[in-house]
Amino acid sequence: MHVSVRVRVFLAHHRWIYWLVVFALAGAVGLMVHAELRKVDTARAAWGETTSVFVAIDDRAAGDLPRVEQRDLPDALVPRAALRSLPAGATLHQRVTAGEVLTSTDITAVAGPVGGAATESVVVGIIDPLARGADVGSSVRISSEGIVLADIGEVVSLADEVVFVAVASADAPIVAAAAQAGLASILFVP
């Protein structure tokens, strides 16, 4: 007689052994689940305190009003510059995506084109009829008559035909002079 047949016959005559094995396996599975839940609780306790921060609800571009909700996140996940309150009249300084924790670099309360610029830059208004497809946040260079005046710039605002570009403060006077003379050209860079 085959071994499996002998075992089945033995278990048929001794049902209590069959149920003992079933309960032992169920108990082992229960203990494993309990151990895993204890590990989850230990990990959760290791995160420590939580902080209420603002998180973007949807994708927004620079210059838009932020749409946010407050969420409690573990302190270990919260950036140091995370916003815990929004200033009055706040707009986005840069693009944010849904689920992103808003920081002080994402928000500006300064009105107008300067609100989209970095603190160490100067905003210059340029009229360039060839730059009509400019988008806020685009990286640009400013040139005049074949000479690059500002190697690094960023479009921070658009108003009618004027494109406001943030450039380094050292480059701002020459860019402004070229813009005033109508000689400034905007070069888009990747």
Protein backbone atom coordinates (compact mmCIF):
# COMPACT_ATOMS: atom_id res chain seq x y z
CA MET A 1 0.00 0.00 0.00
CA HIS A 2 1.25 3.52 -0.85
CA VAL A 3 2.30 5.87 1.99
CA SER A 4 -0.32 8.51 1.19
CA VAL A 5 -3.06 5.90 1.34
CA ARG A 6 -1.83 4.69 4.74
CA VAL A 7 -1.79 8.25 6.08
CA ARG A 8 -5.34 8.89 4.83
CA VAL A 9 -6.60 5.67 6.40
CA PHE A 10 -4.84 6.48 9.69
CA LEU A 11 -6.34 10.01 9.74
CA ALA A 12 -9.79 8.60 8.92
CA HIS A 13 -9.60 6.39 12.03
CA HIS A 14 -8.07 9.11 14.21
CA ARG A 15 -9.93 12.37 13.32
CA TRP A 16 -8.56 14.20 16.35
CA ILE A 17 -5.02 14.17 14.81
CA TYR A 18 -6.35 15.78 11.63
CA TRP A 19 -8.00 18.58 13.63
CA LEU A 20 -4.93 18.99 15.81
CA VAL A 21 -2.82 19.65 12.69
CA VAL A 22 -5.44 22.11 11.33
CA PHE A 23 -5.54 24.07 14.62
CA ALA A 24 -1.73 24.04 14.89
CA LEU A 25 -1.39 25.50 11.38
CA ALA A 26 -4.08 28.11 12.10
CA GLY A 27 -2.31 29.06 15.33
CA ALA A 28 1.04 29.36 13.52
CA VAL A 29 -0.50 31.64 10.88
CA GLY A 30 -2.14 33.75 13.61
CA LEU A 31 1.17 34.13 15.44
CA MET A 32 2.92 35.19 12.21
CA VAL A 33 0.24 37.81 11.50
CA HIS A 34 0.48 39.10 15.07
CA ALA A 35 4.28 39.37 14.78
CA GLU A 36 3.99 41.35 11.52
CA LEU A 37 1.41 43.73 13.05
CA ARG A 38 3.74 44.30 15.98
CA LYS A 39 6.53 45.21 13.53
CA VAL A 40 4.20 47.72 11.81
CA ASP A 41 3.31 49.31 15.17
CA THR A 42 6.99 49.51 16.12
CA ALA A 43 7.85 51.19 12.81
CA ARG A 44 4.97 53.64 13.19
CA ALA A 45 6.13 54.55 16.70
CA ALA A 46 9.67 55.09 15.39
CA TRP A 47 8.45 57.92 13.15
CA GLY A 48 7.73 60.00 16.23
CA GLU A 49 5.64 63.14 16.22
CA THR A 50 3.60 64.42 13.28
CA THR A 51 3.38 67.93 11.86
CA SER A 52 0.52 69.56 9.98
CA VAL A 53 1.75 70.87 6.60
CA PHE A 54 0.23 72.09 3.33
CA VAL A 55 0.17 69.64 0.43
CA ALA A 56 -0.75 70.51 -3.17
CA ILE A 57 -4.10 69.05 -4.29
CA ASP A 58 -3.33 69.18 -8.01
CA ASP A 59 -0.64 70.22 -10.50
CA ARG A 60 -0.20 73.98 -10.74
CA ALA A 61 2.10 76.28 -12.74
CA ALA A 62 4.17 79.21 -11.52
CA GLY A 63 2.01 82.29 -10.92
CA ASP A 64 -1.14 80.28 -10.14
CA LEU A 65 -2.96 80.41 -6.84
CA PRO A 66 -2.10 77.34 -4.78
CA ARG A 67 -4.80 74.71 -4.11
CA VAL A 68 -3.77 72.93 -0.95
CA GLU A 69 -4.99 70.80 1.92
CA GLN A 70 -3.49 70.29 5.35
CA ARG A 71 -2.11 66.85 6.16
CA ASP A 72 -0.41 65.43 9.21
CA LEU A 73 2.91 63.87 8.21
CA PRO A 74 5.66 62.32 10.32
CA ASP A 75 8.38 64.84 11.20
CA ALA A 76 10.96 62.64 9.47
CA LEU A 77 9.21 63.21 6.11
CA VAL A 78 8.63 66.96 6.44
CA PRO A 79 11.21 69.30 4.82
CA ARG A 80 12.62 72.01 7.10
CA ALA A 81 11.16 74.76 4.89
CA ALA A 82 7.65 73.24 4.79
CA LEU A 83 4.84 75.76 5.14
CA ARG A 84 2.65 75.47 8.19
CA SER A 85 0.58 78.51 7.18
CA LEU A 86 -0.02 80.34 3.91
CA PRO A 87 0.71 84.08 3.65
CA ALA A 88 -2.11 86.32 2.43
CA GLY A 89 -2.13 86.73 -1.35
CA ALA A 90 0.25 83.83 -1.88
CA THR A 91 0.97 82.64 -5.42
CA LEU A 92 3.20 79.87 -6.67
CA HIS A 93 6.78 80.81 -7.34
CA GLN A 94 7.42 77.59 -9.26
CA ARG A 95 5.51 74.59 -10.61
CA VAL A 96 4.19 72.11 -8.03
CA THR A 97 2.66 68.67 -8.52
CA ALA A 98 -0.19 66.95 -6.70
CA GLY A 99 0.86 65.51 -3.34
CA GLU A 100 3.93 67.74 -3.02
CA VAL A 101 4.61 69.35 0.36
CA LEU A 102 4.72 73.12 -0.15
CA THR A 103 7.86 74.86 1.05
CA SER A 104 8.90 78.49 1.33
CA THR A 105 10.60 78.24 -2.09
CA ASP A 106 7.29 77.23 -3.73
CA ILE A 107 5.28 80.24 -2.52
CA THR A 108 5.65 83.99 -2.88
CA ALA A 109 3.54 86.75 -1.41
CA VAL A 110 5.14 89.52 -3.49
CA ALA A 111 2.76 90.93 -6.08
CA GLY A 112 3.60 91.34 -9.75
CA PRO A 113 6.40 89.90 -11.85
CA VAL A 114 8.93 90.15 -9.02
CA GLY A 115 6.96 87.54 -7.09
CA GLY A 116 8.09 84.83 -9.49
CA ALA A 117 11.79 85.68 -9.28
CA ALA A 118 14.48 84.33 -7.02
CA THR A 119 15.61 86.74 -4.30
CA GLU A 120 19.09 87.28 -5.82
CA SER A 121 17.74 88.15 -9.29
CA VAL A 122 16.29 91.24 -10.96
CA VAL A 123 13.24 91.24 -13.25
CA VAL A 124 13.47 93.03 -16.59
CA GLY A 125 10.57 93.54 -18.99
CA ILE A 126 11.42 92.76 -22.62
CA ILE A 127 9.31 93.21 -25.72
CA ASP A 128 10.31 90.54 -28.22
CA PRO A 129 7.72 89.82 -30.93
CA LEU A 130 9.36 86.44 -31.61
CA ALA A 131 8.90 85.31 -27.98
CA ARG A 132 5.09 85.17 -28.02
CA GLY A 133 5.09 81.44 -27.20
CA ALA A 134 6.96 81.97 -23.95
CA ASP A 135 5.75 80.12 -20.87
CA VAL A 136 6.31 81.12 -17.26
CA GLY A 137 9.18 79.07 -15.92
CA SER A 138 11.00 78.75 -19.26
CA SER A 139 14.79 78.95 -19.12
CA VAL A 140 16.16 81.68 -21.38
CA ARG A 141 19.24 83.66 -22.37
CA ILE A 142 19.13 87.32 -23.32
CA SER A 143 21.14 88.57 -26.28
CA SER A 144 21.53 91.78 -28.23
CA GLU A 145 23.09 92.08 -31.68
CA GLY A 146 24.77 88.69 -31.41
CA ILE A 147 26.19 89.15 -27.92
CA VAL A 148 24.84 87.21 -24.96
CA LEU A 149 23.98 89.72 -22.24
CA ALA A 150 22.56 87.30 -19.67
CA ASP A 151 23.59 83.66 -19.79
CA ILE A 152 20.95 82.52 -17.30
CA GLY A 153 17.38 83.78 -17.10
CA GLU A 154 13.87 82.60 -16.37
CA VAL A 155 10.52 83.84 -17.65
CA VAL A 156 8.61 84.87 -14.51
CA SER A 157 5.56 86.64 -15.90
CA LEU A 158 3.77 87.62 -19.11
CA ALA A 159 1.72 90.75 -19.71
CA ASP A 160 0.42 91.47 -23.21
CA GLU A 161 3.55 91.66 -25.40
CA VAL A 162 5.95 92.13 -22.47
CA VAL A 163 7.90 89.10 -21.28
CA PHE A 164 9.29 89.56 -17.76
CA VAL A 165 12.59 87.75 -17.32
CA ALA A 166 14.53 87.29 -14.07
CA VAL A 167 18.28 87.67 -14.65
CA ALA A 168 21.31 87.93 -12.38
CA SER A 169 21.61 91.34 -10.75
CA ALA A 170 25.00 91.91 -12.42
CA ASP A 171 23.42 91.40 -15.87
CA ALA A 172 20.27 93.46 -15.22
CA PRO A 173 21.54 96.96 -16.20
CA ILE A 174 22.80 95.94 -19.64
CA VAL A 175 19.69 93.81 -20.30
CA ALA A 176 17.47 96.73 -19.29
CA ALA A 177 19.39 99.10 -21.59
CA ALA A 178 19.05 96.69 -24.53
CA ALA A 179 15.33 96.21 -23.74
CA GLN A 180 14.81 100.00 -23.63
CA ALA A 181 16.47 100.37 -27.03
CA GLY A 182 14.37 97.51 -28.41
CA LEU A 183 17.49 95.42 -29.13
CA ALA A 184 17.05 92.63 -26.56
CA SER A 185 16.22 89.17 -27.88
CA ILE A 186 15.06 86.19 -25.84
CA LEU A 187 16.76 82.87 -26.58
CA PHE A 188 15.00 79.79 -25.24
CA VAL A 189 17.23 77.06 -23.81
CA PRO A 190 16.34 73.54 -22.67
